[in-house]
Amino acid sequence: MRPLYLTLVLIVAALTILAVAHIAGLFGGGELRVRISTTTSLYATGLLEYLASKYEENHPGVAIDFLPVGSGQALQLAADGEVCAVFVHAPQLEARYIRDGVLEDHRIIAYNYFIIVGPPDDPAGVRDAVNATDAFRRIYEAGEAGKAVFISRGDNSGTNVKELSIWEAAGLDPSGRPWYKEVGKGMADTLVMADEIRAYTLSDIGTYLKLKKEGVLKNIELLYANSTELINIYSAYLVTSCTGAERAQAQSFIEFVYTHQDLIGNYGVDKYGQPLFYPAEGREEELARIWESIAGTGG
């Protein structure tokens, strides 16, 4: 009987160890991880990490994992079921994924502006442009004359989509031209490359201000900004396919971001002298109309 008794004890002990290991595996040692894909500008500026740290202070056992990529790739990760939420700024692309049932619970959380940056001597005369399409026409003409280079992200990001829409509005197609360089990089890398060769590029203002303040950008500066045609709207979504505890926490985090607009509006003011992003609060209806217009879903 003793061998049988010992065997039963060992079996019970082994099952107990396996059960504990299984529970620990399920909960990551008590930590629930929430996967969120995000556009590089929100991540590179530090805003999302800052918001996540504030959220995690009041939600012990929860960790927000960001996957920073261009908006196009961030949305594809959602379609592939690799993430539970997305933070992006490409209304034209977002609308497609909403129609396909990939995204739901749309929240506009912030906005800032796209800007055109380039060499201080500005051979294309962008500073004198009357609007963004005029600025791009000037860059095109200077490029054709061998006086300018334009760096395009070329990565289907929100910034890249906006850039292509400006070329289209200008009635121009720069693809294949020797002065037009598609690099397939994030915003920070694209700005650094433009700085290295004194090229023009389109950027979100947040990433530009951060790198400029840090002394990374020495050979390019802000040449054109506009508060209407170059508005840049950031949205958050839940991924429809995500379920369970991760979905609940993803929804909770989006709600936290949406209801703590002061954290967004104050971020970067002390360090950069101005906000890197502006809160959507108070402009929700206006921003929704602009978003619909950009997305092509307005009435």
Protein backbone atom coordinates (compact mmCIF):
# COMPACT_ATOMS: atom_id res chain seq x y z
CA MET A 1 0.00 0.00 0.00
CA ARG A 2 2.85 2.34 0.75
CA PRO A 3 4.09 2.50 -2.87
CA LEU A 4 0.53 3.24 -4.05
CA TYR A 5 0.10 5.94 -1.39
CA LEU A 6 3.38 7.57 -2.37
CA THR A 7 2.41 7.39 -6.03
CA LEU A 8 -0.90 9.15 -5.32
CA VAL A 9 0.87 11.84 -3.31
CA LEU A 10 3.32 12.43 -6.15
CA ILE A 11 0.50 12.60 -8.70
CA VAL A 12 -1.45 15.13 -6.61
CA ALA A 13 1.71 17.21 -6.12
CA ALA A 14 2.47 17.14 -9.84
CA LEU A 15 -1.09 18.14 -10.74
CA THR A 16 -0.92 20.99 -8.26
CA ILE A 17 2.33 22.26 -9.77
CA LEU A 18 0.86 22.03 -13.27
CA ALA A 19 -2.27 23.90 -12.21
CA VAL A 20 -0.27 26.70 -10.65
CA ALA A 21 1.95 26.91 -13.74
CA HIS A 22 -1.12 27.01 -15.97
CA ILE A 23 -2.71 29.83 -13.97
CA ALA A 24 0.55 31.77 -13.96
CA GLY A 25 0.80 31.31 -17.71
CA LEU A 26 -2.72 32.53 -18.26
CA PHE A 27 -2.25 35.64 -16.20
CA GLY A 28 1.43 36.27 -16.85
CA GLY A 29 2.26 36.04 -13.18
CA GLY A 30 -0.69 38.32 -12.33
CA GLU A 31 -0.12 40.73 -15.26
CA LEU A 32 -2.62 41.10 -18.10
CA ARG A 33 -1.01 42.45 -21.28
CA VAL A 34 -3.05 44.56 -23.69
CA ARG A 35 -1.77 44.74 -27.27
CA ILE A 36 -2.29 48.04 -29.07
CA SER A 37 -0.94 49.00 -32.50
CA THR A 38 -0.18 52.68 -32.93
CA THR A 39 1.08 55.19 -35.43
CA THR A 40 4.74 56.05 -34.87
CA SER A 41 4.11 59.74 -34.12
CA LEU A 42 2.04 59.03 -31.01
CA TYR A 43 4.68 56.59 -29.79
CA ALA A 44 7.89 58.38 -30.81
CA THR A 45 6.83 61.57 -29.04
CA GLY A 46 6.32 59.59 -25.83
CA LEU A 47 2.65 60.53 -25.46
CA LEU A 48 1.21 57.02 -25.43
CA GLU A 49 3.82 55.68 -23.01
CA TYR A 50 3.04 58.64 -20.76
CA LEU A 51 -0.71 57.94 -20.90
CA ALA A 52 -0.12 54.22 -20.32
CA SER A 53 2.00 54.92 -17.25
CA LYS A 54 -0.78 57.06 -15.78
CA TYR A 55 -3.35 54.36 -16.54
CA GLU A 56 -1.25 51.55 -15.10
CA GLU A 57 -0.82 53.48 -11.83
CA ASN A 58 -4.50 52.88 -11.13
CA HIS A 59 -4.74 49.47 -12.79
CA PRO A 60 -2.21 47.17 -11.11
CA GLY A 61 -1.69 43.93 -12.93
CA VAL A 62 -2.31 45.50 -16.37
CA ALA A 63 0.45 46.31 -18.87
CA ILE A 64 -0.14 48.13 -22.15
CA ASP A 65 2.03 46.79 -24.99
CA PHE A 66 2.38 49.15 -27.96
CA LEU A 67 3.35 48.08 -31.46
CA PRO A 68 4.47 51.34 -33.15
CA VAL A 69 4.19 51.18 -36.95
CA GLY A 70 2.67 53.27 -39.73
CA SER A 71 -1.12 53.63 -39.64
CA GLY A 72 -1.57 51.26 -42.59
CA GLN A 73 0.35 48.48 -40.86
CA ALA A 74 -1.32 49.25 -37.52
CA LEU A 75 -4.71 48.74 -39.16
CA GLN A 76 -3.57 45.53 -40.86
CA LEU A 77 -2.46 44.16 -37.49
CA ALA A 78 -6.02 44.78 -36.31
CA ALA A 79 -7.43 42.95 -39.33
CA ASP A 80 -5.09 40.05 -38.62
CA GLY A 81 -6.28 39.85 -35.00
CA GLU A 82 -2.82 40.63 -33.64
CA VAL A 83 -3.96 43.55 -31.45
CA CYS A 84 -6.96 44.55 -29.37
CA ALA A 85 -7.02 48.30 -30.12
CA VAL A 86 -5.48 50.79 -32.53
CA PHE A 87 -4.44 54.47 -32.34
CA VAL A 88 -4.09 55.92 -35.84
CA HIS A 89 -4.37 59.08 -37.97
CA ALA A 90 -5.39 58.05 -41.48
CA PRO A 91 -9.16 58.63 -41.91
CA GLN A 92 -9.19 57.35 -45.52
CA LEU A 93 -7.70 54.03 -44.40
CA GLU A 94 -9.68 53.83 -41.16
CA ALA A 95 -12.97 54.13 -43.04
CA ARG A 96 -12.19 50.98 -45.03
CA TYR A 97 -11.56 48.92 -41.90
CA ILE A 98 -14.73 50.27 -40.29
CA ARG A 99 -16.73 49.20 -43.37
CA ASP A 100 -15.09 45.77 -43.24
CA GLY A 101 -16.14 45.34 -39.61
CA VAL A 102 -12.59 45.23 -38.26
CA LEU A 103 -12.93 48.33 -36.07
CA GLU A 104 -15.59 49.67 -33.74
CA ASP A 105 -16.16 52.23 -30.98
CA HIS A 106 -14.47 55.11 -32.81
CA ARG A 107 -13.13 57.85 -30.53
CA ILE A 108 -11.35 60.98 -31.78
CA ILE A 109 -8.81 61.63 -29.05
CA ALA A 110 -6.52 64.41 -30.30
CA TYR A 111 -5.31 66.45 -33.23
CA ASN A 112 -2.33 68.48 -34.36
CA TYR A 113 -1.06 69.52 -37.77
CA PHE A 114 1.06 68.32 -40.61
CA ILE A 115 3.87 70.65 -41.62
CA ILE A 116 6.22 70.98 -44.56
CA VAL A 117 9.87 71.15 -43.55
CA GLY A 118 12.99 71.66 -45.60
CA PRO A 119 16.34 73.42 -45.92
CA PRO A 120 16.59 76.96 -44.51
CA ASP A 121 17.57 78.44 -47.88
CA ASP A 122 14.29 77.01 -49.27
CA PRO A 123 15.20 76.72 -52.98
CA ALA A 124 11.58 75.85 -53.84
CA GLY A 125 10.16 78.97 -52.15
CA VAL A 126 7.80 76.98 -49.93
CA ARG A 127 7.63 79.84 -47.42
CA ASP A 128 5.81 81.91 -50.04
CA ALA A 129 3.22 79.23 -50.85
CA VAL A 130 -0.45 80.19 -50.53
CA ASN A 131 -1.50 76.65 -49.58
CA ALA A 132 -0.14 73.12 -49.33
CA THR A 133 -0.83 72.21 -52.95
CA ASP A 134 1.02 75.35 -54.06
CA ALA A 135 3.92 74.35 -51.81
CA PHE A 136 4.06 70.89 -53.41
CA ARG A 137 3.92 72.40 -56.92
CA ARG A 138 6.89 74.58 -56.01
CA ILE A 139 8.81 71.55 -54.70
CA TYR A 140 7.99 69.61 -57.88
CA GLU A 141 9.26 72.42 -60.09
CA ALA A 142 12.41 72.84 -58.01
CA GLY A 143 12.98 69.09 -58.12
CA GLU A 144 12.63 69.02 -61.89
CA ALA A 145 15.15 71.87 -62.08
CA GLY A 146 17.61 69.89 -59.97
CA LYS A 147 17.32 72.28 -57.04
CA ALA A 148 15.37 70.19 -54.50
CA VAL A 149 14.85 66.69 -53.12
CA PHE A 150 11.71 65.38 -51.42
CA ILE A 151 11.75 62.48 -48.95
CA SER A 152 8.53 60.47 -48.79
CA ARG A 153 7.83 57.99 -46.02
CA GLY A 154 6.42 55.62 -48.63
CA ASP A 155 5.03 53.34 -45.93
CA ASN A 156 1.24 53.74 -46.22
CA SER A 157 1.23 55.64 -42.93
CA GLY A 158 -1.20 58.43 -42.12
CA THR A 159 1.46 60.96 -43.05
CA ASN A 160 2.21 59.17 -46.32
CA VAL A 161 -1.49 59.01 -47.20
CA LYS A 162 -1.81 62.73 -46.51
CA GLU A 163 1.25 63.50 -48.64
CA LEU A 164 -0.12 61.52 -51.58
CA SER A 165 -3.47 63.30 -51.29
CA ILE A 166 -1.70 66.67 -51.59
CA TRP A 167 0.17 65.57 -54.71
CA GLU A 168 -3.13 64.38 -56.16
CA ALA A 169 -4.81 67.71 -55.32
CA ALA A 170 -1.93 69.48 -57.04
CA GLY A 171 -2.45 67.34 -60.15
CA LEU A 172 1.08 65.99 -59.93
CA ASP A 173 2.65 62.52 -59.73
CA PRO A 174 6.24 62.63 -58.45
CA SER A 175 6.70 58.85 -58.29
CA GLY A 176 9.72 57.72 -60.24
CA ARG A 177 11.27 61.15 -60.45
CA PRO A 178 14.97 61.13 -59.43
CA TRP A 179 14.46 63.86 -56.81
CA TYR A 180 11.58 61.99 -55.12
CA LYS A 181 12.82 59.41 -52.61
CA GLU A 182 10.45 56.85 -51.06
CA VAL A 183 12.20 55.42 -48.02
CA GLY A 184 9.66 53.17 -46.28
CA LYS A 185 10.60 54.56 -42.86
CA GLY A 186 8.85 55.93 -39.78
CA MET A 187 8.53 59.67 -39.19
CA ALA A 188 11.63 60.11 -37.05
CA ASP A 189 13.88 58.22 -39.47
CA THR A 190 12.40 60.11 -42.42
CA LEU A 191 13.10 63.47 -40.76
CA VAL A 192 16.67 62.44 -39.98
CA MET A 193 17.22 61.41 -43.60
CA ALA A 194 15.74 64.70 -44.84
CA ASP A 195 18.03 66.55 -42.47
CA GLU A 196 21.11 64.69 -43.68
CA ILE A 197 20.58 65.70 -47.32
CA ARG A 198 18.70 68.98 -46.75
CA ALA A 199 15.53 67.67 -48.35
CA TYR A 200 11.87 68.60 -48.07
CA THR A 201 9.34 66.33 -46.40
CA LEU A 202 5.89 66.28 -44.83
CA SER A 203 5.84 65.65 -41.07
CA ASP A 204 3.50 65.74 -38.14
CA ILE A 205 4.45 68.71 -36.00
CA GLY A 206 4.86 66.66 -32.80
CA THR A 207 7.68 64.44 -34.04
CA TYR A 208 9.40 67.42 -35.67
CA LEU A 209 9.30 69.53 -32.51
CA LYS A 210 10.64 66.67 -30.40
CA LEU A 211 13.62 65.99 -32.68
CA LYS A 212 14.30 69.68 -33.20
CA LYS A 213 14.36 70.33 -29.45
CA GLU A 214 16.71 67.39 -28.94
CA GLY A 215 19.14 68.86 -31.47
CA VAL A 216 18.76 65.99 -33.91
CA LEU A 217 17.59 68.21 -36.79
CA LYS A 218 20.18 70.83 -37.69
CA ASN A 219 19.70 71.32 -41.43
CA ILE A 220 15.92 71.58 -41.91
CA GLU A 221 13.25 73.81 -40.43
CA LEU A 222 9.51 74.40 -40.52
CA LEU A 223 8.63 76.21 -43.75
CA TYR A 224 4.86 75.88 -44.09
CA ALA A 225 1.99 75.19 -41.71
CA ASN A 226 -1.76 75.50 -42.08
CA SER A 227 -4.51 74.93 -39.52
CA THR A 228 -7.22 73.83 -41.97
CA GLU A 229 -6.00 71.73 -44.91
CA LEU A 230 -3.15 70.21 -42.87
CA ILE A 231 -5.10 69.24 -39.75
CA ASN A 232 -4.08 65.83 -38.44
CA ILE A 233 -6.74 63.88 -36.52
CA TYR A 234 -5.89 60.98 -34.19
CA SER A 235 -8.46 58.28 -33.43
CA ALA A 236 -8.70 55.22 -31.22
CA TYR A 237 -10.67 52.05 -31.96
CA LEU A 238 -11.46 48.70 -30.45
CA VAL A 239 -10.76 45.69 -32.64
CA THR A 240 -13.99 43.78 -33.18
CA SER A 241 -12.41 40.34 -32.99
CA CYS A 242 -10.79 40.97 -29.60
CA THR A 243 -12.69 39.45 -26.67
CA GLY A 244 -12.42 38.68 -22.96
CA ALA A 245 -10.33 40.39 -20.33
CA GLU A 246 -7.95 41.98 -22.84
CA ARG A 247 -10.85 43.63 -24.65
CA ALA A 248 -12.26 44.97 -21.39
CA GLN A 249 -8.93 46.55 -20.48
CA ALA A 250 -8.37 47.91 -24.00
CA GLN A 251 -11.78 49.56 -23.84
CA SER A 252 -10.97 50.88 -20.38
CA PHE A 253 -7.68 52.37 -21.58
CA ILE A 254 -9.34 54.10 -24.54
CA GLU A 255 -11.96 55.51 -22.19
CA PHE A 256 -9.21 56.72 -19.86
CA VAL A 257 -7.44 58.50 -22.71
CA TYR A 258 -10.71 60.00 -23.93
CA THR A 259 -11.71 61.30 -20.50
CA HIS A 260 -8.26 62.60 -19.49
CA GLN A 261 -7.82 65.16 -22.23
CA ASP A 262 -5.86 67.43 -19.90
CA LEU A 263 -2.99 64.91 -19.99
CA ILE A 264 -2.89 65.21 -23.78
CA GLY A 265 -3.14 69.00 -23.85
CA ASN A 266 -0.41 69.51 -21.26
CA TYR A 267 2.01 66.96 -22.68
CA GLY A 268 5.18 68.55 -24.00
CA VAL A 269 4.38 72.14 -23.00
CA ASP A 270 7.14 72.38 -20.39
CA LYS A 271 9.77 70.81 -22.63
CA TYR A 272 8.84 72.10 -26.08
CA GLY A 273 7.10 75.37 -25.30
CA GLN A 274 3.83 74.21 -26.86
CA PRO A 275 1.65 71.09 -26.87
CA LEU A 276 2.67 68.33 -29.24
CA PHE A 277 -1.01 67.37 -29.51
CA TYR A 278 -4.26 69.19 -28.82
CA PRO A 279 -7.16 67.50 -27.00
CA ALA A 280 -10.33 66.79 -28.94
CA GLU A 281 -12.46 67.92 -26.02
CA GLY A 282 -14.69 70.84 -26.99
CA ARG A 283 -14.17 70.26 -30.71
CA GLU A 284 -15.58 66.74 -31.02
CA GLU A 285 -18.39 67.57 -33.46
CA GLU A 286 -16.19 69.80 -35.63
CA LEU A 287 -13.39 67.23 -35.72
CA ALA A 288 -15.89 64.48 -36.55
CA ARG A 289 -17.11 66.48 -39.56
CA ILE A 290 -13.53 67.08 -40.70
CA TRP A 291 -12.71 63.39 -40.19
CA GLU A 292 -15.72 62.40 -42.33
CA SER A 293 -14.69 64.85 -45.03
CA ILE A 294 -11.13 63.49 -45.15
CA ALA A 295 -12.38 59.90 -45.04
CA GLY A 296 -14.86 60.54 -47.81
CA THR A 297 -17.82 59.42 -45.69
CA GLY A 298 -19.45 62.81 -45.16
CA GLY A 299 -22.92 63.53 -46.43
